[in-house]
Protein backbone atom coordinates (compact mmCIF):
# COMPACT_ATOMS: atom_id res chain seq x y z
CA MET A 1 -0.04 0.11 0.10
CA LYS A 2 0.72 3.66 -0.80
CA TYR A 3 0.44 6.60 1.54
CA VAL A 4 0.04 10.11 0.79
CA LYS A 5 -1.10 13.55 2.95
CA LEU A 6 -5.08 14.23 2.74
CA GLY A 7 -4.61 18.02 1.07
CA ASN A 8 -3.74 20.50 3.48
CA SER A 9 -4.20 18.40 6.44
CA ASN A 10 -1.63 16.43 8.64
CA LEU A 11 -3.24 12.99 7.88
CA SER A 12 -1.40 10.13 6.22
CA VAL A 13 -3.74 7.92 4.11
CA SER A 14 -3.63 5.33 2.06
CA SER A 15 -4.25 5.19 -1.73
CA ILE A 16 -7.22 3.41 -1.48
CA CYS A 17 -10.24 4.25 0.99
CA MET A 18 -12.68 1.82 1.95
CA GLY A 19 -15.95 2.99 0.72
CA CYS A 20 -18.44 1.68 3.46
CA MET A 21 -21.94 2.41 1.99
CA GLY A 22 -22.54 -1.63 1.29
CA PHE A 23 -22.20 -2.26 5.01
CA GLY A 24 -25.42 -2.18 7.24
CA ASP A 25 -28.50 -3.78 8.30
CA ALA A 26 -30.41 -3.73 4.41
CA LYS A 27 -33.29 -3.29 6.54
CA ASN A 28 -32.12 0.30 7.87
CA GLY A 29 -31.78 1.45 4.18
CA GLN A 30 -32.98 1.76 0.52
CA HIS A 31 -30.33 -0.62 -0.69
CA THR A 32 -31.11 -4.49 -0.47
CA TRP A 33 -27.38 -5.40 -1.66
CA THR A 34 -25.85 -4.33 1.64
CA ILE A 35 -24.04 -6.97 3.58
CA ASP A 36 -24.42 -7.91 7.17
CA GLU A 37 -21.98 -7.35 10.45
CA GLU A 38 -20.23 -10.57 10.21
CA GLN A 39 -19.34 -10.10 6.77
CA SER A 40 -18.28 -6.25 7.11
CA ARG A 41 -15.91 -7.39 9.63
CA LYS A 42 -13.93 -9.70 7.27
CA ILE A 43 -13.82 -7.36 4.81
CA ILE A 44 -12.53 -4.58 6.95
CA LYS A 45 -9.99 -6.91 8.52
CA ARG A 46 -8.50 -7.59 5.30
CA GLY A 47 -8.59 -3.99 4.74
CA LEU A 48 -6.52 -3.65 7.47
CA GLU A 49 -4.12 -6.85 6.48
CA LEU A 50 -3.24 -4.57 3.09
CA GLY A 51 -2.58 -1.94 4.65
CA ILE A 52 -5.82 0.23 4.13
CA ASN A 53 -6.12 2.99 6.99
CA PHE A 54 -8.82 5.45 5.34
CA PHE A 55 -12.10 4.62 5.98
CA ASP A 56 -15.12 6.52 4.77
CA THR A 57 -19.04 5.95 6.12
CA ALA A 58 -21.79 8.31 6.53
CA ILE A 59 -24.78 8.24 9.15
CA ALA A 60 -27.01 7.85 6.45
CA TYR A 61 -25.75 4.74 5.37
CA GLN A 62 -28.91 2.33 6.53
CA SER A 63 -29.73 4.46 9.20
CA GLY A 64 -26.46 4.55 10.98
CA THR A 65 -25.86 1.14 10.89
CA SER A 66 -22.71 1.12 8.78
CA GLU A 67 -21.43 3.52 11.18
CA GLN A 68 -21.83 0.90 13.73
CA TYR A 69 -20.06 -1.95 12.09
CA LEU A 70 -17.52 0.03 11.15
CA GLY A 71 -16.46 1.21 14.67
CA ARG A 72 -16.62 -2.17 16.27
CA ALA A 73 -14.76 -3.90 13.97
CA LEU A 74 -12.18 -1.25 14.21
CA ARG A 75 -11.76 -1.30 17.73
CA ASP A 76 -11.52 -5.21 17.85
CA TYR A 77 -9.34 -5.14 14.73
CA ALA A 78 -6.60 -1.49 15.00
CA LYS A 79 -5.53 1.28 16.75
CA ARG A 80 -7.47 4.50 16.84
CA SER A 81 -4.66 6.48 16.03
CA GLU A 82 -3.45 4.14 13.32
CA VAL A 83 -6.88 4.48 11.10
CA VAL A 84 -8.27 7.47 9.23
CA VAL A 85 -12.02 7.51 9.61
CA ALA A 86 -14.60 9.73 7.62
CA THR A 87 -18.12 10.01 8.30
CA LYS A 88 -20.46 12.32 6.67
CA PHE A 89 -23.49 14.65 8.03
CA LEU A 90 -27.24 15.35 6.07
CA PRO A 91 -28.72 18.77 5.42
CA ARG A 92 -31.23 19.88 8.12
CA THR A 93 -34.50 18.65 7.79
CA PRO A 94 -37.85 20.47 6.86
CA GLU A 95 -38.52 19.60 10.50
CA GLU A 96 -35.47 21.09 12.31
CA ILE A 97 -36.10 24.09 9.90
CA GLU A 98 -39.68 24.48 11.22
CA ALA A 99 -38.45 23.81 14.82
CA GLY A 100 -35.95 26.43 14.74
CA ILE A 101 -32.66 24.25 14.79
CA THR A 102 -29.68 26.53 13.52
CA GLY A 103 -27.23 24.61 11.35
CA GLN A 104 -24.59 24.88 14.45
CA GLN A 105 -27.22 23.06 16.28
CA HIS A 106 -27.65 20.35 13.58
CA ILE A 107 -24.13 19.66 12.53
CA GLU A 108 -23.47 19.15 16.55
CA ARG A 109 -26.42 16.52 16.77
CA MET A 110 -25.54 14.54 13.87
CA LEU A 111 -22.16 14.46 15.01
CA ASN A 112 -22.88 13.06 18.39
CA ARG A 113 -25.27 10.62 16.97
CA SER A 114 -22.28 9.75 14.35
CA LEU A 115 -19.52 9.32 17.44
CA THR A 116 -22.16 7.33 19.33
CA ASN A 117 -22.31 4.85 16.38
CA LEU A 118 -18.75 4.80 16.13
CA GLY A 119 -18.23 4.21 19.10
CA MET A 120 -15.69 7.06 19.08
CA ASP A 121 -14.52 10.42 20.48
CA TYR A 122 -13.64 12.07 17.28
CA VAL A 123 -13.49 11.74 13.55
CA ASP A 124 -10.56 12.26 11.47
CA LEU A 125 -12.40 13.98 8.59
CA TYR A 126 -16.40 15.10 8.82
CA ILE A 127 -17.64 15.54 5.73
CA TYR A 128 -20.63 18.02 4.49
CA HIS A 129 -22.77 15.33 2.84
CA MET A 130 -24.80 17.82 0.08
CA TRP A 131 -24.96 21.09 0.17
CA ASP A 132 -28.05 22.29 2.37
CA TYR A 133 -29.77 25.52 0.28
CA GLY A 134 -31.99 25.87 2.89
CA THR A 135 -29.39 26.61 5.30
CA PRO A 136 -27.01 29.91 5.66
CA LEU A 137 -23.65 28.90 4.37
CA TYR A 138 -22.25 31.02 7.61
CA GLU A 139 -23.94 28.50 9.74
CA ILE A 140 -22.43 25.65 8.74
CA MET A 141 -18.95 27.06 8.64
CA GLU A 142 -18.97 27.88 12.02
CA GLY A 143 -20.72 24.84 12.98
CA LEU A 144 -18.14 22.75 11.59
CA ASN A 145 -15.29 25.17 13.30
CA GLN A 146 -16.94 24.44 16.51
CA VAL A 147 -17.06 20.80 16.59
CA ILE A 148 -12.98 20.84 15.36
CA LYS A 149 -12.27 23.34 18.35
CA ALA A 150 -14.22 21.20 20.68
CA GLY A 151 -12.22 17.91 19.63
CA LYS A 152 -15.07 16.06 18.10
CA ALA A 153 -13.57 16.19 14.74
CA ARG A 154 -9.94 17.31 13.23
CA TYR A 155 -10.78 18.02 9.64
CA ILE A 156 -13.24 18.84 7.62
CA GLY A 157 -14.60 17.84 3.97
CA ILE A 158 -16.97 18.26 1.33
CA SER A 159 -19.24 16.22 -0.75
CA ASN A 160 -21.31 16.91 -4.08
CA CYS A 161 -20.74 20.35 -4.89
CA PHE A 162 -19.55 22.55 -7.56
CA ALA A 163 -16.36 24.19 -7.71
CA TRP A 164 -17.65 27.43 -7.00
CA GLN A 165 -19.44 26.33 -3.80
CA LEU A 166 -16.26 24.81 -2.59
CA ALA A 167 -14.12 27.96 -3.28
CA LYS A 168 -17.10 29.97 -1.71
CA ALA A 169 -17.01 27.99 1.38
CA ASN A 170 -13.06 28.11 1.85
CA ALA A 171 -13.21 32.06 0.85
CA LEU A 172 -15.94 32.31 3.97
CA ALA A 173 -14.06 30.28 6.11
CA GLU A 174 -10.62 32.12 5.87
CA LYS A 175 -12.24 35.58 6.33
CA GLU A 176 -14.08 34.75 9.34
CA GLY A 177 -11.12 32.34 10.66
CA PHE A 178 -12.76 29.11 10.53
CA ALA A 179 -11.16 26.16 9.35
CA LYS A 180 -11.45 25.03 5.86
CA PHE A 181 -12.64 22.18 3.59
CA VAL A 182 -9.27 19.48 3.05
CA SER A 183 -10.71 17.49 0.76
CA VAL A 184 -13.63 17.02 -1.65
CA GLN A 185 -15.95 13.82 -2.45
CA GLY A 186 -17.52 14.18 -5.88
CA HIS A 187 -18.28 11.64 -8.69
CA TYR A 188 -15.83 11.08 -10.72
CA ASN A 189 -14.47 7.88 -12.87
CA LEU A 190 -13.03 6.94 -16.24
CA ILE A 191 -16.71 7.04 -17.26
CA PHE A 192 -17.85 9.76 -15.75
CA ARG A 193 -15.46 12.82 -15.92
CA GLU A 194 -17.23 16.03 -15.62
CA GLU A 195 -15.18 17.00 -12.41
CA GLU A 196 -12.49 17.75 -14.83
CA ARG A 197 -14.04 21.17 -15.90
CA GLU A 198 -13.52 22.85 -13.11
CA MET A 199 -12.85 20.78 -9.75
CA VAL A 200 -10.00 19.24 -10.26
CA PRO A 201 -8.06 21.83 -11.49
CA TYR A 202 -9.51 23.86 -8.54
CA CYS A 203 -8.67 21.38 -6.19
CA ARG A 204 -4.92 21.18 -7.50
CA GLU A 205 -4.31 24.79 -7.13
CA GLU A 206 -5.42 24.82 -3.93
CA ASN A 207 -4.23 21.34 -2.84
CA ILE A 208 -7.22 20.17 -1.57
CA ALA A 209 -7.82 16.12 -1.72
CA LEU A 210 -9.68 14.69 -4.48
CA THR A 211 -11.27 11.32 -2.87
CA PRO A 212 -13.84 10.57 -5.47
CA TYR A 213 -16.82 8.11 -4.62
CA SER A 214 -18.40 5.54 -7.30
CA SER A 215 -14.83 4.72 -8.28
CA LEU A 216 -15.71 1.47 -10.49
CA ALA A 217 -18.95 3.06 -11.59
CA GLY A 218 -21.20 0.74 -9.21
CA GLY A 219 -19.30 -2.18 -10.95
CA ARG A 220 -19.19 -1.54 -14.37
CA LEU A 221 -15.70 -0.94 -15.06
CA ALA A 222 -14.61 -3.93 -13.01
CA ARG A 223 -16.74 -6.57 -15.45
CA ARG A 224 -16.83 -7.02 -19.51
CA PRO A 225 -19.71 -5.46 -21.13
CA GLY A 226 -23.12 -7.56 -20.50
CA GLU A 227 -21.65 -8.97 -16.67
CA THR A 228 -23.91 -8.28 -13.99
CA SER A 229 -23.93 -8.17 -10.26
CA LYS A 230 -26.53 -7.84 -7.82
CA ARG A 231 -25.48 -4.34 -7.21
CA MET A 232 -25.44 -3.48 -10.59
CA THR A 233 -29.18 -5.16 -11.07
CA GLU A 234 -31.11 -3.74 -7.86
CA ASP A 235 -29.09 -0.33 -7.11
CA SER A 236 -31.73 2.12 -8.79
CA TYR A 237 -29.29 4.93 -7.88
CA ALA A 238 -26.64 3.62 -9.98
CA LYS A 239 -28.81 2.81 -12.81
CA LEU A 240 -30.14 5.95 -12.88
CA LYS A 241 -26.29 7.53 -13.02
CA TYR A 242 -25.07 5.30 -15.78
CA ASP A 243 -27.79 3.42 -17.97
CA GLY A 244 -28.69 6.30 -19.73
CA MET A 245 -25.25 6.41 -21.25
CA GLY A 246 -24.09 2.87 -21.40
CA GLU A 247 -23.54 2.96 -25.22
CA GLN A 248 -21.15 5.14 -25.31
CA ASP A 249 -19.21 3.99 -21.77
CA ASN A 250 -19.28 0.50 -23.17
CA GLU A 251 -16.49 1.94 -26.02
CA ILE A 252 -14.31 2.66 -22.48
CA ILE A 253 -15.37 0.02 -20.85
CA LYS A 254 -13.95 -2.35 -24.03
CA ARG A 255 -10.77 -0.63 -23.84
CA VAL A 256 -10.27 -1.16 -20.08
CA MET A 257 -10.99 -4.84 -20.75
CA GLU A 258 -8.44 -5.29 -23.47
CA LEU A 259 -5.48 -3.07 -21.78
CA ALA A 260 -6.19 -5.16 -18.58
CA ALA A 261 -5.76 -8.44 -20.63
CA LYS A 262 -2.54 -7.22 -22.17
CA LYS A 263 -1.21 -5.86 -18.94
CA GLY A 264 -2.16 -9.21 -17.02
CA VAL A 265 -4.18 -7.35 -14.25
CA SER A 266 -8.19 -6.99 -13.18
CA MET A 267 -10.32 -4.48 -14.65
CA THR A 268 -10.79 -3.39 -11.36
CA GLU A 269 -6.99 -3.14 -10.89
CA LEU A 270 -6.62 -1.02 -14.04
CA SER A 271 -9.96 1.38 -13.90
CA LEU A 272 -8.57 2.30 -10.34
CA ALA A 273 -4.86 2.72 -11.36
CA TRP A 274 -6.41 5.30 -13.64
CA LEU A 275 -8.09 7.24 -11.38
CA LEU A 276 -5.21 7.16 -8.79
CA THR A 277 -3.33 9.18 -11.47
CA LYS A 278 -6.07 11.64 -10.93
CA THR A 279 -6.93 11.50 -7.30
CA THR A 280 -5.35 11.56 -3.66
CA ALA A 281 -7.23 8.32 -2.49
CA PRO A 282 -10.59 7.01 -4.76
CA VAL A 283 -13.33 5.45 -2.30
CA VAL A 284 -13.93 2.13 -3.37
CA GLY A 285 -17.00 0.11 -1.70
CA ALA A 286 -16.37 -3.44 -0.67
CA THR A 287 -19.05 -6.22 -0.45
CA LYS A 288 -16.84 -9.23 -0.89
CA LEU A 289 -12.99 -10.01 -0.20
CA HIS A 290 -11.63 -9.97 -3.53
CA HIS A 291 -13.06 -6.17 -4.26
CA VAL A 292 -10.55 -5.23 -1.44
CA GLU A 293 -7.76 -7.10 -2.80
CA GLY A 294 -8.05 -5.88 -6.42
CA ALA A 295 -8.24 -2.25 -4.97
CA ALA A 296 -5.28 -2.93 -2.82
CA LYS A 297 -3.51 -4.37 -5.95
CA ALA A 298 -4.51 -1.21 -8.02
CA VAL A 299 -1.51 1.09 -6.31
CA GLU A 300 0.91 -0.99 -7.74
CA VAL A 301 -0.22 -0.64 -11.43
CA THR A 302 1.75 1.57 -13.78
CA LEU A 303 -0.05 3.09 -16.81
CA THR A 304 1.82 4.88 -19.68
CA GLN A 305 1.00 8.35 -21.21
CA GLU A 306 -0.12 6.45 -24.22
CA GLU A 307 -2.55 3.81 -22.35
CA LEU A 308 -3.85 6.97 -20.20
CA ALA A 309 -4.68 8.36 -23.49
CA TYR A 310 -5.81 5.09 -25.09
CA LEU A 311 -8.45 4.94 -22.14
CA GLU A 312 -9.90 8.75 -22.05
CA GLU A 313 -10.02 9.63 -26.14
CA PRO A 314 -13.70 7.64 -26.44
CA TYR A 315 -15.32 9.95 -23.20
CA VAL A 316 -17.80 11.69 -24.55
CA PRO A 317 -19.42 14.53 -22.54
CA HIS A 318 -22.10 13.39 -19.77
CA PRO A 319 -25.08 15.10 -18.35
CA LEU A 320 -25.01 15.82 -14.31
CA VAL A 321 -27.41 13.31 -12.60
CA GLY A 322 -28.50 12.36 -9.25
CA VAL A 323 -27.57 14.62 -6.46
CA MET A 324 -25.73 16.69 -8.74
CA ALA A 325 -28.80 17.08 -10.91
CA GLN A 326 -30.66 18.03 -8.06
CA ASN A 327 -27.90 20.59 -6.70
CA THR A 328 -28.00 22.15 -10.12
CA ALA A 329 -32.17 22.49 -9.64
CA GLU A 330 -31.91 23.50 -5.85
CA SER A 331 -28.91 26.26 -6.98
CA LYS A 332 -32.05 28.04 -9.22
CA GLN A 333 -34.49 27.57 -6.77
CA GLU A 334 -32.87 28.67 -3.50
CA LYS A 335 -35.19 26.03 -1.58
CA HIS A 336 -34.82 23.30 0.94
CA VAL A 337 -36.53 20.29 -0.54
CA TRP A 338 -34.87 17.48 1.47
CA SER A 339 -36.77 14.89 2.90
CA THR A 340 -36.22 13.05 6.32
CA GLY A 341 -35.22 9.60 6.55
CA ASN A 342 -32.07 7.95 4.50
CA GLN A 343 -31.15 9.77 1.23
CA LYS A 344 -29.94 8.62 -2.07
CA ILE A 345 -26.31 9.37 -2.40
């Protein structure tokens, strides 16, 4: 495993971040493909054995049971000081807004719940999961600064935002003396490269870490065209993100398959090797042992400039989908529409 500094923080993280959205009680979430605690523990333990020290979860994942599974496993298999734990908080609900709960109060409440789930005193990285159009940005940034000052979070990150939003937030933080975002977790992989327009160059300029999610496009970059998995057939959100451009994306997937065979590596290893040339530490989900093993092997795969160009050449622009499409609509409406309970992310 290789390790790198997480942006402008002092955190040393593995080049692969284990995504924990696949862990948790399926009865408490919207995903039917998640795995139980026993299976989750095996994957977390194997990740630690392979040198992965960076773990990403969220309070939204299966009503907090992902956080619970991760916290218990890390207590049994690792020293707290040797792992980097990230979790995320949701926007205020309409009920909280109606009750007058401020953004600062909301963040404190959410983090306290996450810390209880994790069984920890602090998280290393607390992530603003999606832009909250119903809460003033000042309240968000001050609330995040307060939890850092209280020792409940070491650094803050952001997810599902536009480059202008990240720039605006960090400019406000600098003006007010608040903590700045050190990382951004966006939708970025070999068949969805819209982050390269503004977010990637901005983060490169500001030394903000890129820790993208959906690194393998819901499994599509790990399988030959036509092959499926339980998640690919049952994950309606991933289908929303990718099925509309499936025909165009297949040309890239075919090149991944071809080049992987030529180099004697798996499609997973090749797809992640490409992403590792662009980002700090991609978030890679795992629901089977071979998923995490393939991800760990990717850090040893090297690609030439010619190979990178060959993989990238067929790409065509993609429309924004999912949370980012919602963000576009909300930025025009300037109103809060998030519902209570689990969010699709």
